[in-house]
Amino acid sequence: MRIDIVTVSPELIKSPFEHSILKRAQEKGMVEVHFHDLRQYAINKYGKIDDYQFGGGAGMVLMIEPIDKCLSKLMSERTYDEVIYMTPDAKTLNQRMANMLSNKKNLLILTGHYKGVDQRIRDKFVTMEISIGDYVLSGGEIAAAVVCDAVIRLIPGVLGDETSALTDSFQDNLLAPPVYTRPAEYDGMKVPEVLLSGNFPKIEQWRHEQALLRTKLIRPDLLSRDNDEA
């Protein structure tokens, strides 16, 4: 997989890709991540890429020309499965969406900034818009890193245990069950006996029951989602 990220602040977004799972995925050659500084496509020598919005109002808007030049150049070099714009006024990222994107070959992500981008960019280039929650960040860089982390870890071979991602929360619209490790008893707190029994059918049954219970208590909306998506 190849991911190209267009950003006003490339240094802000690079750090998550230089550590842990995202770093190892790149070292294994399972994913390429490239960052493109939008200011390299500025309209003047001062690096201008934004302007006041028509009709008045607070906040600057990323201009159409620099983004058009950048995206057009990238799209002339390869075909992208999705051109994604990170914005709070979009569908919220979920596990189903991450699963779908993990099967793609080339992704192009445009991060917003200030009041966002000129709407004509969204109309012309963007095929998918993603939010990571009902709140506003200073820019889309952190949100783009979240999307990449959620997607890259699903690529076969990225995680050490191939089944790990399949048992994450939300894969089956349930939260993950509680997990424990050694010691079996600490300060009077004991690990549930079933997990020490070696009876794997009973362990799986317990895990499912716990996942269902936690979902009912914390995120009951996930249980109704099964019916909505059926």
C-alpha atoms as a PDB file:
ATOM      1  CA  MET A   1       0.000   0.000   0.000  1.00  0.00           C
ATOM      2  CA  ARG A   2       1.084   3.572  -0.692  1.00  0.00           C
ATOM      3  CA  ILE A   3      -0.304   6.556   1.225  1.00  0.00           C
ATOM      4  CA  ASP A   4       0.356  10.154   0.153  1.00  0.00           C
ATOM      5  CA  ILE A   5      -0.491  12.852   2.681  1.00  0.00           C
ATOM      6  CA  VAL A   6      -0.833  16.504   1.653  1.00  0.00           C
ATOM      7  CA  THR A   7      -0.338  18.823   4.606  1.00  0.00           C
ATOM      8  CA  VAL A   8       0.418  22.371   5.658  1.00  0.00           C
ATOM      9  CA  SER A   9       2.555  21.017   8.532  1.00  0.00           C
ATOM     10  CA  PRO A  10       4.499  17.905   7.457  1.00  0.00           C
ATOM     11  CA  GLU A  11       6.676  17.971  10.589  1.00  0.00           C
ATOM     12  CA  LEU A  12       3.571  17.752  12.759  1.00  0.00           C
ATOM     13  CA  ILE A  13       2.406  14.486  11.222  1.00  0.00           C
ATOM     14  CA  LYS A  14       5.666  12.623  10.648  1.00  0.00           C
ATOM     15  CA  SER A  15       6.351  11.558  14.237  1.00  0.00           C
ATOM     16  CA  PRO A  16       3.666   8.829  14.556  1.00  0.00           C
ATOM     17  CA  PHE A  17       5.095   7.114  11.478  1.00  0.00           C
ATOM     18  CA  GLU A  18       8.599   6.964  12.956  1.00  0.00           C
ATOM     19  CA  HIS A  19       7.750   4.629  15.830  1.00  0.00           C
ATOM     20  CA  SER A  20       6.203   1.279  16.750  1.00  0.00           C
ATOM     21  CA  ILE A  21       3.863  -0.551  14.371  1.00  0.00           C
ATOM     22  CA  LEU A  22       3.737   2.157  11.691  1.00  0.00           C
ATOM     23  CA  LYS A  23       7.529   2.283  11.527  1.00  0.00           C
ATOM     24  CA  ARG A  24       7.850  -1.506  11.323  1.00  0.00           C
ATOM     25  CA  ALA A  25       5.214  -1.714   8.587  1.00  0.00           C
ATOM     26  CA  GLN A  26       7.302   0.657   6.472  1.00  0.00           C
ATOM     27  CA  GLU A  27      10.545  -1.150   7.230  1.00  0.00           C
ATOM     28  CA  LYS A  28       8.938  -4.435   6.150  1.00  0.00           C
ATOM     29  CA  GLY A  29       7.938  -2.808   2.857  1.00  0.00           C
ATOM     30  CA  MET A  30       4.239  -3.350   3.509  1.00  0.00           C
ATOM     31  CA  VAL A  31       3.373   0.325   3.253  1.00  0.00           C
ATOM     32  CA  GLU A  32       4.944   3.493   1.847  1.00  0.00           C
ATOM     33  CA  VAL A  33       3.998   6.840   3.375  1.00  0.00           C
ATOM     34  CA  HIS A  34       4.925  10.073   1.596  1.00  0.00           C
ATOM     35  CA  PHE A  35       4.366  13.599   2.889  1.00  0.00           C
ATOM     36  CA  HIS A  36       3.808  16.581   0.605  1.00  0.00           C
ATOM     37  CA  ASP A  37       4.215  20.125   1.869  1.00  0.00           C
ATOM     38  CA  LEU A  38       1.424  22.249   0.431  1.00  0.00           C
ATOM     39  CA  ARG A  39       3.551  25.374   0.782  1.00  0.00           C
ATOM     40  CA  GLN A  40       5.760  24.099  -2.040  1.00  0.00           C
ATOM     41  CA  TYR A  41       2.797  24.893  -4.290  1.00  0.00           C
ATOM     42  CA  ALA A  42       2.186  28.363  -2.845  1.00  0.00           C
ATOM     43  CA  ILE A  43       0.973  31.140  -5.150  1.00  0.00           C
ATOM     44  CA  ASN A  44       3.884  33.457  -4.322  1.00  0.00           C
ATOM     45  CA  LYS A  45       7.414  33.471  -2.912  1.00  0.00           C
ATOM     46  CA  TYR A  46       6.069  34.205   0.565  1.00  0.00           C
ATOM     47  CA  GLY A  47       4.375  30.807   0.801  1.00  0.00           C
ATOM     48  CA  LYS A  48       0.802  32.051   0.556  1.00  0.00           C
ATOM     49  CA  ILE A  49      -1.704  29.196   0.467  1.00  0.00           C
ATOM     50  CA  ASP A  50      -4.747  30.689   2.229  1.00  0.00           C
ATOM     51  CA  ASP A  51      -7.037  33.687   1.955  1.00  0.00           C
ATOM     52  CA  TYR A  52     -10.140  35.269   3.472  1.00  0.00           C
ATOM     53  CA  GLN A  53     -13.446  33.603   2.681  1.00  0.00           C
ATOM     54  CA  PHE A  54     -15.935  35.179   0.317  1.00  0.00           C
ATOM     55  CA  GLY A  55     -18.979  36.568   2.099  1.00  0.00           C
ATOM     56  CA  GLY A  56     -17.014  37.481   5.196  1.00  0.00           C
ATOM     57  CA  GLY A  57     -16.612  35.554   8.422  1.00  0.00           C
ATOM     58  CA  ALA A  58     -13.791  34.589  10.746  1.00  0.00           C
ATOM     59  CA  GLY A  59     -11.055  32.223   9.697  1.00  0.00           C
ATOM     60  CA  MET A  60      -8.877  31.648   6.658  1.00  0.00           C
ATOM     61  CA  VAL A  61      -9.526  29.121   3.883  1.00  0.00           C
ATOM     62  CA  LEU A  62      -6.938  27.062   2.024  1.00  0.00           C
ATOM     63  CA  MET A  63      -6.900  28.322  -1.565  1.00  0.00           C
ATOM     64  CA  ILE A  64      -7.878  26.244  -4.568  1.00  0.00           C
ATOM     65  CA  GLU A  65      -4.752  26.858  -6.685  1.00  0.00           C
ATOM     66  CA  PRO A  66      -2.029  25.347  -4.449  1.00  0.00           C
ATOM     67  CA  ILE A  67      -4.117  22.252  -3.692  1.00  0.00           C
ATOM     68  CA  ASP A  68      -5.116  21.835  -7.333  1.00  0.00           C
ATOM     69  CA  LYS A  69      -1.470  21.924  -8.426  1.00  0.00           C
ATOM     70  CA  CYS A  70      -0.387  19.453  -5.751  1.00  0.00           C
ATOM     71  CA  LEU A  71      -3.202  16.944  -6.227  1.00  0.00           C
ATOM     72  CA  SER A  72      -3.060  17.156 -10.021  1.00  0.00           C
ATOM     73  CA  LYS A  73       0.651  16.384  -9.965  1.00  0.00           C
ATOM     74  CA  LEU A  74       0.227  13.380  -7.675  1.00  0.00           C
ATOM     75  CA  MET A  75      -2.745  12.046  -9.633  1.00  0.00           C
ATOM     76  CA  SER A  76      -0.802  12.316 -12.889  1.00  0.00           C
ATOM     77  CA  GLU A  77       1.794   9.930 -11.447  1.00  0.00           C
ATOM     78  CA  ARG A  78      -0.526   7.161 -10.246  1.00  0.00           C
ATOM     79  CA  THR A  79      -4.158   6.166  -9.832  1.00  0.00           C
ATOM     80  CA  TYR A  80      -5.605   6.509  -6.338  1.00  0.00           C
ATOM     81  CA  ASP A  81      -8.323   4.230  -5.021  1.00  0.00           C
ATOM     82  CA  GLU A  82      -9.554   7.028  -2.757  1.00  0.00           C
ATOM     83  CA  VAL A  83      -8.804  10.725  -2.390  1.00  0.00           C
ATOM     84  CA  ILE A  84      -9.661  11.387   1.249  1.00  0.00           C
ATOM     85  CA  TYR A  85     -10.291  14.755   2.858  1.00  0.00           C
ATOM     86  CA  MET A  86     -10.018  14.962   6.651  1.00  0.00           C
ATOM     87  CA  THR A  87     -12.785  17.219   7.945  1.00  0.00           C
ATOM     88  CA  PRO A  88     -15.097  17.290  10.994  1.00  0.00           C
ATOM     89  CA  ASP A  89     -18.183  17.671   8.782  1.00  0.00           C
ATOM     90  CA  ALA A  90     -18.048  14.121   7.413  1.00  0.00           C
ATOM     91  CA  LYS A  91     -18.908  10.539   8.289  1.00  0.00           C
ATOM     92  CA  THR A  92     -17.092   9.361  11.396  1.00  0.00           C
ATOM     93  CA  LEU A  93     -14.307   6.817  11.041  1.00  0.00           C
ATOM     94  CA  ASN A  94     -15.272   3.336  12.205  1.00  0.00           C
ATOM     95  CA  GLN A  95     -13.813  -0.150  12.033  1.00  0.00           C
ATOM     96  CA  ARG A  96     -15.812  -1.111   8.964  1.00  0.00           C
ATOM     97  CA  MET A  97     -14.388   1.885   7.120  1.00  0.00           C
ATOM     98  CA  ALA A  98     -10.850   1.028   8.232  1.00  0.00           C
ATOM     99  CA  ASN A  99     -11.308  -2.561   7.047  1.00  0.00           C
ATOM    100  CA  MET A 100     -12.401  -1.344   3.629  1.00  0.00           C
ATOM    101  CA  LEU A 101      -9.491   1.073   3.253  1.00  0.00           C
ATOM    102  CA  SER A 102      -6.955  -1.567   4.303  1.00  0.00           C
ATOM    103  CA  ASN A 103      -7.725  -3.443   1.074  1.00  0.00           C
ATOM    104  CA  LYS A 104      -6.808  -0.476  -1.133  1.00  0.00           C
ATOM    105  CA  LYS A 105      -3.516  -0.031  -2.961  1.00  0.00           C
ATOM    106  CA  ASN A 106      -3.082   3.756  -3.184  1.00  0.00           C
ATOM    107  CA  LEU A 107      -4.604   6.351  -0.868  1.00  0.00           C
ATOM    108  CA  LEU A 108      -4.261  10.132  -1.097  1.00  0.00           C
ATOM    109  CA  ILE A 109      -5.125  12.088   2.051  1.00  0.00           C
ATOM    110  CA  LEU A 110      -5.665  15.844   2.132  1.00  0.00           C
ATOM    111  CA  THR A 111      -5.537  17.427   5.583  1.00  0.00           C
ATOM    112  CA  GLY A 112      -7.598  20.510   6.268  1.00  0.00           C
ATOM    113  CA  HIS A 113      -6.452  23.593   8.140  1.00  0.00           C
ATOM    114  CA  TYR A 114      -7.914  26.877   9.349  1.00  0.00           C
ATOM    115  CA  LYS A 115     -11.554  26.919   8.165  1.00  0.00           C
ATOM    116  CA  GLY A 116     -10.919  24.129   5.678  1.00  0.00           C
ATOM    117  CA  VAL A 117     -10.399  24.069   1.930  1.00  0.00           C
ATOM    118  CA  ASP A 118     -12.129  25.815  -0.936  1.00  0.00           C
ATOM    119  CA  GLN A 119     -15.265  23.758  -1.632  1.00  0.00           C
ATOM    120  CA  ARG A 120     -14.300  23.401  -5.291  1.00  0.00           C
ATOM    121  CA  ILE A 121     -11.426  21.132  -4.251  1.00  0.00           C
ATOM    122  CA  ARG A 122     -13.890  18.832  -2.523  1.00  0.00           C
ATOM    123  CA  ASP A 123     -16.136  18.875  -5.552  1.00  0.00           C
ATOM    124  CA  LYS A 124     -13.369  18.166  -8.072  1.00  0.00           C
ATOM    125  CA  PHE A 125     -10.997  15.744  -6.367  1.00  0.00           C
ATOM    126  CA  VAL A 126     -12.319  14.229  -3.144  1.00  0.00           C
ATOM    127  CA  THR A 127     -13.926  10.793  -3.285  1.00  0.00           C
ATOM    128  CA  MET A 128     -14.240  10.206   0.468  1.00  0.00           C
ATOM    129  CA  GLU A 129     -14.472  12.486   3.491  1.00  0.00           C
ATOM    130  CA  ILE A 130     -13.648  11.298   7.000  1.00  0.00           C
ATOM    131  CA  SER A 131     -14.051  12.739  10.487  1.00  0.00           C
ATOM    132  CA  ILE A 132     -12.581  11.177  13.618  1.00  0.00           C
ATOM    133  CA  GLY A 133     -15.208  12.659  15.925  1.00  0.00           C
ATOM    134  CA  ASP A 134     -17.649  15.432  16.644  1.00  0.00           C
ATOM    135  CA  TYR A 135     -15.070  18.032  17.584  1.00  0.00           C
ATOM    136  CA  VAL A 136     -12.704  20.411  15.788  1.00  0.00           C
ATOM    137  CA  LEU A 137      -8.902  20.168  15.735  1.00  0.00           C
ATOM    138  CA  SER A 138      -6.431  22.868  14.714  1.00  0.00           C
ATOM    139  CA  GLY A 139      -5.675  20.896  11.559  1.00  0.00           C
ATOM    140  CA  GLY A 140      -6.276  17.531   9.922  1.00  0.00           C
ATOM    141  CA  GLU A 141      -2.769  16.146  10.480  1.00  0.00           C
ATOM    142  CA  ILE A 142      -3.506  14.313  13.727  1.00  0.00           C
ATOM    143  CA  ALA A 143      -6.756  13.005  12.279  1.00  0.00           C
ATOM    144  CA  ALA A 144      -4.922  11.705   9.204  1.00  0.00           C
ATOM    145  CA  ALA A 145      -2.426   9.898  11.444  1.00  0.00           C
ATOM    146  CA  VAL A 146      -5.334   8.257  13.279  1.00  0.00           C
ATOM    147  CA  VAL A 147      -6.810   7.012  10.014  1.00  0.00           C
ATOM    148  CA  CYS A 148      -3.451   5.673   8.833  1.00  0.00           C
ATOM    149  CA  ASP A 149      -2.832   3.844  12.108  1.00  0.00           C
ATOM    150  CA  ALA A 150      -6.288   2.261  12.012  1.00  0.00           C
ATOM    151  CA  VAL A 151      -5.771   1.134   8.410  1.00  0.00           C
ATOM    152  CA  ILE A 152      -2.121   0.083   8.322  1.00  0.00           C
ATOM    153  CA  ARG A 153      -2.378  -2.252  11.326  1.00  0.00           C
ATOM    154  CA  LEU A 154      -4.988  -4.254   9.406  1.00  0.00           C
ATOM    155  CA  ILE A 155      -2.667  -5.045   6.488  1.00  0.00           C
ATOM    156  CA  PRO A 156      -1.796  -8.765   6.690  1.00  0.00           C
ATOM    157  CA  GLY A 157       1.645  -9.291   8.190  1.00  0.00           C
ATOM    158  CA  VAL A 158       1.901  -5.885   9.899  1.00  0.00           C
ATOM    159  CA  LEU A 159       0.940  -7.201  13.336  1.00  0.00           C
ATOM    160  CA  GLY A 160       2.930 -10.020  14.876  1.00  0.00           C
ATOM    161  CA  ASP A 161      -0.183 -12.066  15.673  1.00  0.00           C
ATOM    162  CA  GLU A 162      -2.308 -12.375  12.523  1.00  0.00           C
ATOM    163  CA  THR A 163      -5.470 -12.823  14.607  1.00  0.00           C
ATOM    164  CA  SER A 164      -4.864  -9.785  16.780  1.00  0.00           C
ATOM    165  CA  ALA A 165      -6.627  -7.222  14.602  1.00  0.00           C
ATOM    166  CA  LEU A 166      -9.564  -9.553  14.085  1.00  0.00           C
ATOM    167  CA  THR A 167     -10.292  -9.571  17.822  1.00  0.00           C
ATOM    168  CA  ASP A 168     -10.142  -5.801  18.275  1.00  0.00           C
ATOM    169  CA  SER A 169     -13.089  -3.832  19.565  1.00  0.00           C
ATOM    170  CA  PHE A 170     -15.707  -2.978  16.909  1.00  0.00           C
ATOM    171  CA  GLN A 171     -14.763  -5.761  14.465  1.00  0.00           C
ATOM    172  CA  ASP A 172     -18.084  -7.437  15.263  1.00  0.00           C
ATOM    173  CA  ASN A 173     -19.815  -4.349  16.667  1.00  0.00           C
ATOM    174  CA  LEU A 174     -18.815  -5.400  20.187  1.00  0.00           C
ATOM    175  CA  LEU A 175     -16.300  -3.901  22.564  1.00  0.00           C
ATOM    176  CA  ALA A 176     -13.371  -6.139  23.432  1.00  0.00           C
ATOM    177  CA  PRO A 177     -13.659  -8.244  26.627  1.00  0.00           C
ATOM    178  CA  PRO A 178     -11.369  -7.660  29.633  1.00  0.00           C
ATOM    179  CA  VAL A 179      -7.828  -9.016  29.292  1.00  0.00           C
ATOM    180  CA  TYR A 180      -5.404 -10.214  31.978  1.00  0.00           C
ATOM    181  CA  THR A 181      -1.770 -11.305  32.260  1.00  0.00           C
ATOM    182  CA  ARG A 182       0.569 -12.604  34.967  1.00  0.00           C
ATOM    183  CA  PRO A 183       0.518 -12.781  37.923  1.00  0.00           C
ATOM    184  CA  ALA A 184      -2.748 -14.635  38.387  1.00  0.00           C
ATOM    185  CA  GLU A 185      -3.243 -12.890  41.722  1.00  0.00           C
ATOM    186  CA  TYR A 186      -2.056  -9.454  42.757  1.00  0.00           C
ATOM    187  CA  ASP A 187      -2.877  -7.576  45.945  1.00  0.00           C
ATOM    188  CA  GLY A 188      -5.914  -9.799  46.442  1.00  0.00           C
ATOM    189  CA  MET A 189      -7.220  -9.295  42.894  1.00  0.00           C
ATOM    190  CA  LYS A 190      -7.577 -12.572  41.000  1.00  0.00           C
ATOM    191  CA  VAL A 191      -7.819 -13.413  37.315  1.00  0.00           C
ATOM    192  CA  PRO A 192     -11.156 -15.120  36.484  1.00  0.00           C
ATOM    193  CA  GLU A 193     -10.790 -18.869  36.952  1.00  0.00           C
ATOM    194  CA  VAL A 194     -12.140 -19.666  33.497  1.00  0.00           C
ATOM    195  CA  LEU A 195      -9.112 -18.023  31.877  1.00  0.00           C
ATOM    196  CA  LEU A 196      -6.812 -20.354  33.798  1.00  0.00           C
ATOM    197  CA  SER A 197      -8.836 -23.483  33.052  1.00  0.00           C
ATOM    198  CA  GLY A 198      -7.385 -24.360  29.649  1.00  0.00           C
ATOM    199  CA  ASN A 199     -10.939 -25.032  28.455  1.00  0.00           C
ATOM    200  CA  PHE A 200     -10.872 -22.940  25.274  1.00  0.00           C
ATOM    201  CA  PRO A 201     -14.550 -23.329  24.295  1.00  0.00           C
ATOM    202  CA  LYS A 202     -15.536 -22.041  27.745  1.00  0.00           C
ATOM    203  CA  ILE A 203     -12.957 -19.257  27.514  1.00  0.00           C
ATOM    204  CA  GLU A 204     -14.357 -18.103  24.167  1.00  0.00           C
ATOM    205  CA  GLN A 205     -17.885 -18.250  25.551  1.00  0.00           C
ATOM    206  CA  TRP A 206     -16.810 -16.164  28.574  1.00  0.00           C
ATOM    207  CA  ARG A 207     -15.102 -13.625  26.332  1.00  0.00           C
ATOM    208  CA  HIS A 208     -18.163 -13.265  24.143  1.00  0.00           C
ATOM    209  CA  GLU A 209     -20.420 -12.834  27.174  1.00  0.00           C
ATOM    210  CA  GLN A 210     -18.095 -10.214  28.644  1.00  0.00           C
ATOM    211  CA  ALA A 211     -17.870  -8.376  25.327  1.00  0.00           C
ATOM    212  CA  LEU A 212     -21.643  -8.321  25.052  1.00  0.00           C
ATOM    213  CA  LEU A 213     -22.037  -7.134  28.654  1.00  0.00           C
ATOM    214  CA  ARG A 214     -19.495  -4.331  28.259  1.00  0.00           C
ATOM    215  CA  THR A 215     -21.105  -3.208  25.011  1.00  0.00           C
ATOM    216  CA  LYS A 216     -24.558  -3.090  26.606  1.00  0.00           C
ATOM    217  CA  LEU A 217     -23.228  -0.998  29.480  1.00  0.00           C
ATOM    218  CA  ILE A 218     -20.884   1.353  27.604  1.00  0.00           C
ATOM    219  CA  ARG A 219     -21.917   1.461  23.926  1.00  0.00           C
ATOM    220  CA  PRO A 220     -25.430   0.054  23.476  1.00  0.00           C
ATOM    221  CA  ASP A 221     -25.654   1.935  20.183  1.00  0.00           C
ATOM    222  CA  LEU A 222     -23.270  -0.614  18.663  1.00  0.00           C
ATOM    223  CA  LEU A 223     -25.786  -3.407  19.199  1.00  0.00           C
ATOM    224  CA  SER A 224     -28.464  -1.568  17.215  1.00  0.00           C
ATOM    225  CA  ARG A 225     -25.936  -0.990  14.439  1.00  0.00           C
ATOM    226  CA  ASP A 226     -26.054  -4.689  13.532  1.00  0.00           C
ATOM    227  CA  ASN A 227     -29.695  -4.306  12.560  1.00  0.00           C
ATOM    228  CA  ASP A 228     -29.076  -1.028  10.728  1.00  0.00           C
ATOM    229  CA  GLU A 229     -26.324  -2.624   8.607  1.00  0.00           C
ATOM    230  CA  ALA A 230     -28.129  -5.895   7.964  1.00  0.00           C
END
